Amino acid sequence: MSTPKYRIESSGTLRSGLLLSINFNHLYENSSLAVAIAAKSITEPERKEVRVVQIPSGEVIFRTRCAD
């Protein structure tokens, strides 16, 4: 059985001040790392949802609230 991987997704364009040059298409092996990066990420336009999704199940393990 393969280890699940985690992807950061958003309804907006993502950028991060936490780390330089984040590749948001990257699949993370560690859910805690993916959540930490997602939590510190900024969307353009502002206040769009950011989520961490487990691959391949599609389960959302972390989600920011939209301010809409």
PDB file of N, CA and C in Angstrom:
ATOM      1  N   MET A   1       0.838  -1.174   0.000  1.00  0.00           N
ATOM      2  CA  MET A   1       0.000   0.000   0.000  1.00  0.00           C
ATOM      3  C   MET A   1       0.888   1.245   0.000  1.00  0.00           C
ATOM      4  N   SER A   2       0.568   2.206  -0.845  1.00  0.00           N
ATOM      5  CA  SER A   2       1.396   3.398  -0.947  1.00  0.00           C
ATOM      6  C   SER A   2       1.021   4.413   0.132  1.00  0.00           C
ATOM      7  N   THR A   3       1.995   5.211   0.516  1.00  0.00           N
ATOM      8  CA  THR A   3       1.786   6.264   1.495  1.00  0.00           C
ATOM      9  C   THR A   3       1.029   7.409   0.838  1.00  0.00           C
ATOM     10  N   PRO A   4       0.006   7.949   1.516  1.00  0.00           N
ATOM     11  CA  PRO A   4      -0.721   9.069   0.910  1.00  0.00           C
ATOM     12  C   PRO A   4       0.170  10.294   0.760  1.00  0.00           C
ATOM     13  N   LYS A   5      -0.141  11.075  -0.217  1.00  0.00           N
ATOM     14  CA  LYS A   5       0.560  12.334  -0.438  1.00  0.00           C
ATOM     15  C   LYS A   5      -0.458  13.455  -0.316  1.00  0.00           C
ATOM     16  N   TYR A   6       0.032  14.687  -0.202  1.00  0.00           N
ATOM     17  CA  TYR A   6      -0.833  15.829   0.057  1.00  0.00           C
ATOM     18  C   TYR A   6      -0.489  16.961  -0.897  1.00  0.00           C
ATOM     19  N   ARG A   7      -1.548  17.606  -1.424  1.00  0.00           N
ATOM     20  CA  ARG A   7      -1.365  18.710  -2.358  1.00  0.00           C
ATOM     21  C   ARG A   7      -2.075  19.942  -1.803  1.00  0.00           C
ATOM     22  N   ILE A   8      -1.465  21.112  -1.980  1.00  0.00           N
ATOM     23  CA  ILE A   8      -2.072  22.376  -1.592  1.00  0.00           C
ATOM     24  C   ILE A   8      -2.835  22.907  -2.801  1.00  0.00           C
ATOM     25  N   GLU A   9      -4.113  23.264  -2.591  1.00  0.00           N
ATOM     26  CA  GLU A   9      -4.946  23.787  -3.662  1.00  0.00           C
ATOM     27  C   GLU A   9      -5.600  25.082  -3.204  1.00  0.00           C
ATOM     28  N   SER A  10      -6.070  25.866  -4.166  1.00  0.00           N
ATOM     29  CA  SER A  10      -6.770  27.110  -3.839  1.00  0.00           C
ATOM     30  C   SER A  10      -7.685  27.509  -4.969  1.00  0.00           C
ATOM     31  N   SER A  11      -8.720  28.282  -4.617  1.00  0.00           N
ATOM     32  CA  SER A  11      -9.600  28.856  -5.633  1.00  0.00           C
ATOM     33  C   SER A  11      -9.004  30.144  -6.198  1.00  0.00           C
ATOM     34  N   GLY A  12      -7.884  30.594  -5.636  1.00  0.00           N
ATOM     35  CA  GLY A  12      -7.167  31.774  -6.127  1.00  0.00           C
ATOM     36  C   GLY A  12      -5.739  31.399  -6.471  1.00  0.00           C
ATOM     37  N   THR A  13      -4.944  32.380  -6.854  1.00  0.00           N
ATOM     38  CA  THR A  13      -3.525  32.167  -7.117  1.00  0.00           C
ATOM     39  C   THR A  13      -2.773  32.226  -5.798  1.00  0.00           C
ATOM     40  N   LEU A  14      -1.908  31.250  -5.546  1.00  0.00           N
ATOM     41  CA  LEU A  14      -1.194  31.151  -4.276  1.00  0.00           C
ATOM     42  C   LEU A  14       0.200  31.755  -4.342  1.00  0.00           C
ATOM     43  N   ARG A  15       0.598  32.345  -3.223  1.00  0.00           N
ATOM     44  CA  ARG A  15       1.998  32.740  -3.010  1.00  0.00           C
ATOM     45  C   ARG A  15       2.274  32.581  -1.529  1.00  0.00           C
ATOM     46  N   SER A  16       3.530  32.517  -1.176  1.00  0.00           N
ATOM     47  CA  SER A  16       3.894  32.285   0.214  1.00  0.00           C
ATOM     48  C   SER A  16       5.085  33.138   0.617  1.00  0.00           C
ATOM     49  N   GLY A  17       4.969  33.788   1.758  1.00  0.00           N
ATOM     50  CA  GLY A  17       6.083  34.530   2.325  1.00  0.00           C
ATOM     51  C   GLY A  17       6.913  33.649   3.236  1.00  0.00           C
ATOM     52  N   LEU A  18       6.382  32.461   3.556  1.00  0.00           N
ATOM     53  CA  LEU A  18       7.070  31.527   4.442  1.00  0.00           C
ATOM     54  C   LEU A  18       8.326  30.965   3.797  1.00  0.00           C
ATOM     55  N   LEU A  19       8.196  30.546   2.567  1.00  0.00           N
ATOM     56  CA  LEU A  19       9.320  29.974   1.828  1.00  0.00           C
ATOM     57  C   LEU A  19       9.404  30.636   0.464  1.00  0.00           C
ATOM     58  N   LEU A  20      10.585  30.771  -0.041  1.00  0.00           N
ATOM     59  CA  LEU A  20      10.759  31.352  -1.367  1.00  0.00           C
ATOM     60  C   LEU A  20      10.446  30.323  -2.441  1.00  0.00           C
ATOM     61  N   SER A  21       9.857  30.774  -3.498  1.00  0.00           N
ATOM     62  CA  SER A  21       9.657  29.960  -4.691  1.00  0.00           C
ATOM     63  C   SER A  21       8.940  28.639  -4.400  1.00  0.00           C
ATOM     64  N   ILE A  22       7.759  28.723  -3.805  1.00  0.00           N
ATOM     65  CA  ILE A  22       6.970  27.524  -3.503  1.00  0.00           C
ATOM     66  C   ILE A  22       6.408  26.941  -4.795  1.00  0.00           C
ATOM     67  N   ASN A  23       6.540  25.659  -4.958  1.00  0.00           N
ATOM     68  CA  ASN A  23       5.915  24.960  -6.071  1.00  0.00           C
ATOM     69  C   ASN A  23       4.615  24.373  -5.538  1.00  0.00           C
ATOM     70  N   PHE A  24       3.487  25.033  -5.839  1.00  0.00           N
ATOM     71  CA  PHE A  24       2.217  24.584  -5.288  1.00  0.00           C
ATOM     72  C   PHE A  24       1.663  23.359  -6.002  1.00  0.00           C
ATOM     73  N   ASN A  25       2.350  22.862  -7.010  1.00  0.00           N
ATOM     74  CA  ASN A  25       1.971  21.596  -7.638  1.00  0.00           C
ATOM     75  C   ASN A  25       2.681  20.424  -6.978  1.00  0.00           C
ATOM     76  N   HIS A  26       3.545  20.723  -6.030  1.00  0.00           N
ATOM     77  CA  HIS A  26       4.324  19.706  -5.334  1.00  0.00           C
ATOM     78  C   HIS A  26       3.419  18.806  -4.501  1.00  0.00           C
ATOM     79  N   LEU A  27       3.716  17.521  -4.460  1.00  0.00           N
ATOM     80  CA  LEU A  27       3.015  16.584  -3.580  1.00  0.00           C
ATOM     81  C   LEU A  27       3.873  16.382  -2.342  1.00  0.00           C
ATOM     82  N   TYR A  28       3.319  16.681  -1.189  1.00  0.00           N
ATOM     83  CA  TYR A  28       4.045  16.579   0.078  1.00  0.00           C
ATOM     84  C   TYR A  28       3.839  15.199   0.690  1.00  0.00           C
ATOM     85  N   GLU A  29       4.898  14.646   1.246  1.00  0.00           N
ATOM     86  CA  GLU A  29       4.835  13.353   1.930  1.00  0.00           C
ATOM     87  C   GLU A  29       4.285  13.517   3.343  1.00  0.00           C
ATOM     88  N   ASN A  30       4.449  14.691   3.909  1.00  0.00           N
ATOM     89  CA  ASN A  30       4.109  14.954   5.302  1.00  0.00           C
ATOM     90  C   ASN A  30       2.912  15.901   5.369  1.00  0.00           C
ATOM     91  N   SER A  31       1.814  15.447   5.976  1.00  0.00           N
ATOM     92  CA  SER A  31       0.605  16.278   6.042  1.00  0.00           C
ATOM     93  C   SER A  31       0.824  17.525   6.884  1.00  0.00           C
ATOM     94  N   SER A  32       1.619  17.424   7.945  1.00  0.00           N
ATOM     95  CA  SER A  32       1.872  18.582   8.813  1.00  0.00           C
ATOM     96  C   SER A  32       2.604  19.686   8.062  1.00  0.00           C
ATOM     97  N   LEU A  33       3.569  19.315   7.238  1.00  0.00           N
ATOM     98  CA  LEU A  33       4.297  20.297   6.449  1.00  0.00           C
ATOM     99  C   LEU A  33       3.376  20.958   5.432  1.00  0.00           C
ATOM    100  N   ALA A  34       2.553  20.173   4.762  1.00  0.00           N
ATOM    101  CA  ALA A  34       1.620  20.725   3.772  1.00  0.00           C
ATOM    102  C   ALA A  34       0.644  21.701   4.430  1.00  0.00           C
ATOM    103  N   VAL A  35       0.134  21.356   5.601  1.00  0.00           N
ATOM    104  CA  VAL A  35      -0.801  22.230   6.317  1.00  0.00           C
ATOM    105  C   VAL A  35      -0.106  23.508   6.776  1.00  0.00           C
ATOM    106  N   ALA A  36       1.116  23.401   7.282  1.00  0.00           N
ATOM    107  CA  ALA A  36       1.858  24.582   7.739  1.00  0.00           C
ATOM    108  C   ALA A  36       2.095  25.554   6.590  1.00  0.00           C
ATOM    109  N   ILE A  37       2.483  25.044   5.441  1.00  0.00           N
ATOM    110  CA  ILE A  37       2.716  25.903   4.279  1.00  0.00           C
ATOM    111  C   ILE A  37       1.401  26.503   3.788  1.00  0.00           C
ATOM    112  N   ALA A  38       0.357  25.693   3.742  1.00  0.00           N
ATOM    113  CA  ALA A  38      -0.946  26.189   3.302  1.00  0.00           C
ATOM    114  C   ALA A  38      -1.465  27.285   4.230  1.00  0.00           C
ATOM    115  N   ALA A  39      -1.284  27.097   5.537  1.00  0.00           N
ATOM    116  CA  ALA A  39      -1.771  28.068   6.511  1.00  0.00           C
ATOM    117  C   ALA A  39      -1.065  29.416   6.383  1.00  0.00           C
ATOM    118  N   LYS A  40       0.169  29.404   5.945  1.00  0.00           N
ATOM    119  CA  LYS A  40       0.945  30.638   5.793  1.00  0.00           C
ATOM    120  C   LYS A  40       0.896  31.202   4.376  1.00  0.00           C
ATOM    121  N   SER A  41       0.144  30.561   3.497  1.00  0.00           N
ATOM    122  CA  SER A  41       0.055  31.004   2.112  1.00  0.00           C
ATOM    123  C   SER A  41      -0.967  32.127   1.966  1.00  0.00           C
ATOM    124  N   ILE A  42      -0.766  32.934   0.942  1.00  0.00           N
ATOM    125  CA  ILE A  42      -1.635  34.069   0.648  1.00  0.00           C
ATOM    126  C   ILE A  42      -2.214  33.854  -0.739  1.00  0.00           C
ATOM    127  N   THR A  43      -3.477  34.200  -0.916  1.00  0.00           N
ATOM    128  CA  THR A  43      -4.103  34.064  -2.225  1.00  0.00           C
ATOM    129  C   THR A  43      -4.238  35.420  -2.900  1.00  0.00           C
ATOM    130  N   GLU A  44      -4.231  35.399  -4.209  1.00  0.00           N
ATOM    131  CA  GLU A  44      -4.507  36.583  -5.014  1.00  0.00           C
ATOM    132  C   GLU A  44      -5.640  36.216  -5.963  1.00  0.00           C
ATOM    133  N   PRO A  45      -6.785  36.858  -5.923  1.00  0.00           N
ATOM    134  CA  PRO A  45      -7.148  37.920  -4.990  1.00  0.00           C
ATOM    135  C   PRO A  45      -7.241  37.392  -3.565  1.00  0.00           C
ATOM    136  N   GLU A  46      -7.205  38.320  -2.618  1.00  0.00           N
ATOM    137  CA  GLU A  46      -7.210  37.950  -1.201  1.00  0.00           C
ATOM    138  C   GLU A  46      -8.508  37.258  -0.798  1.00  0.00           C
ATOM    139  N   ARG A  47      -8.412  36.527   0.288  1.00  0.00           N
ATOM    140  CA  ARG A  47      -9.552  35.890   0.960  1.00  0.00           C
ATOM    141  C   ARG A  47     -10.189  34.745   0.176  1.00  0.00           C
ATOM    142  N   LYS A  48      -9.415  34.087  -0.647  1.00  0.00           N
ATOM    143  CA  LYS A  48      -9.888  32.879  -1.315  1.00  0.00           C
ATOM    144  C   LYS A  48      -9.500  31.677  -0.466  1.00  0.00           C
ATOM    145  N   GLU A  49     -10.215  30.588  -0.646  1.00  0.00           N
ATOM    146  CA  GLU A  49      -9.976  29.379   0.136  1.00  0.00           C
ATOM    147  C   GLU A  49      -8.646  28.723  -0.234  1.00  0.00           C
ATOM    148  N   VAL A  50      -7.958  28.211   0.783  1.00  0.00           N
ATOM    149  CA  VAL A  50      -6.756  27.388   0.604  1.00  0.00           C
ATOM    150  C   VAL A  50      -7.048  26.065   1.295  1.00  0.00           C
ATOM    151  N   ARG A  51      -6.708  24.952   0.659  1.00  0.00           N
ATOM    152  CA  ARG A  51      -6.979  23.645   1.250  1.00  0.00           C
ATOM    153  C   ARG A  51      -5.832  22.682   0.979  1.00  0.00           C
ATOM    154  N   VAL A  52      -5.713  21.679   1.841  1.00  0.00           N
ATOM    155  CA  VAL A  52      -4.755  20.589   1.649  1.00  0.00           C
ATOM    156  C   VAL A  52      -5.583  19.340   1.392  1.00  0.00           C
ATOM    157  N   VAL A  53      -5.275  18.672   0.274  1.00  0.00           N
ATOM    158  CA  VAL A  53      -6.039  17.512  -0.167  1.00  0.00           C
ATOM    159  C   VAL A  53      -5.150  16.282  -0.148  1.00  0.00           C
ATOM    160  N   GLN A  54      -5.679  15.191   0.428  1.00  0.00           N
ATOM    161  CA  GLN A  54      -4.954  13.924   0.424  1.00  0.00           C
ATOM    162  C   GLN A  54      -5.136  13.269  -0.945  1.00  0.00           C
ATOM    163  N   ILE A  55      -4.024  12.817  -1.510  1.00  0.00           N
ATOM    164  CA  ILE A  55      -4.029  12.153  -2.813  1.00  0.00           C
ATOM    165  C   ILE A  55      -3.768  10.676  -2.567  1.00  0.00           C
ATOM    166  N   PRO A  56      -4.479   9.740  -3.099  1.00  0.00           N
ATOM    167  CA  PRO A  56      -5.466   9.850  -4.162  1.00  0.00           C
ATOM    168  C   PRO A  56      -6.912   9.932  -3.673  1.00  0.00           C
ATOM    169  N   SER A  57      -7.178   9.904  -2.363  1.00  0.00           N
ATOM    170  CA  SER A  57      -8.560   9.836  -1.871  1.00  0.00           C
ATOM    171  C   SER A  57      -9.362  11.099  -2.159  1.00  0.00           C
ATOM    172  N   GLY A  58      -8.696  12.257  -2.230  1.00  0.00           N
ATOM    173  CA  GLY A  58      -9.397  13.518  -2.448  1.00  0.00           C
ATOM    174  C   GLY A  58      -9.950  14.132  -1.178  1.00  0.00           C
ATOM    175  N   GLU A  59      -9.667  13.502  -0.021  1.00  0.00           N
ATOM    176  CA  GLU A  59     -10.160  14.023   1.254  1.00  0.00           C
ATOM    177  C   GLU A  59      -9.457  15.346   1.586  1.00  0.00           C
ATOM    178  N   VAL A  60     -10.235  16.367   1.940  1.00  0.00           N
ATOM    179  CA  VAL A  60      -9.681  17.651   2.356  1.00  0.00           C
ATOM    180  C   VAL A  60      -9.342  17.533   3.847  1.00  0.00           C
ATOM    181  N   ILE A  61      -8.049  17.702   4.186  1.00  0.00           N
ATOM    182  CA  ILE A  61      -7.631  17.561   5.581  1.00  0.00           C
ATOM    183  C   ILE A  61      -7.434  18.905   6.266  1.00  0.00           C
ATOM    184  N   PHE A  62      -7.382  19.991   5.462  1.00  0.00           N
ATOM    185  CA  PHE A  62      -7.246  21.338   6.014  1.00  0.00           C
ATOM    186  C   PHE A  62      -7.901  22.302   5.043  1.00  0.00           C
ATOM    187  N   ARG A  63      -8.628  23.284   5.601  1.00  0.00           N
ATOM    188  CA  ARG A  63      -9.285  24.282   4.754  1.00  0.00           C
ATOM    189  C   ARG A  63      -9.357  25.597   5.494  1.00  0.00           C
ATOM    190  N   THR A  64      -8.980  26.680   4.810  1.00  0.00           N
ATOM    191  CA  THR A  64      -9.184  28.012   5.387  1.00  0.00           C
ATOM    192  C   THR A  64     -10.609  28.431   5.064  1.00  0.00           C
ATOM    193  N   ARG A  65     -11.119  29.309   5.853  1.00  0.00           N
ATOM    194  CA  ARG A  65     -12.476  29.810   5.600  1.00  0.00           C
ATOM    195  C   ARG A  65     -12.435  30.921   4.566  1.00  0.00           C
ATOM    196  N   CYS A  66     -13.401  30.915   3.681  1.00  0.00           N
ATOM    197  CA  CYS A  66     -13.566  32.024   2.730  1.00  0.00           C
ATOM    198  C   CYS A  66     -14.257  33.155   3.451  1.00  0.00           C
ATOM    199  N   ALA A  67     -13.898  34.369   3.104  1.00  0.00           N
ATOM    200  CA  ALA A  67     -14.503  35.536   3.726  1.00  0.00           C
ATOM    201  C   ALA A  67     -15.638  36.099   2.887  1.00  0.00           C
ATOM    202  N   ASP A  68     -16.148  35.328   1.945  1.00  0.00           N
ATOM    203  CA  ASP A  68     -17.208  35.823   1.054  1.00  0.00           C
ATOM    204  C   ASP A  68     -18.483  36.089   1.777  1.00  0.00           C
TER     205      ASP A  68
END
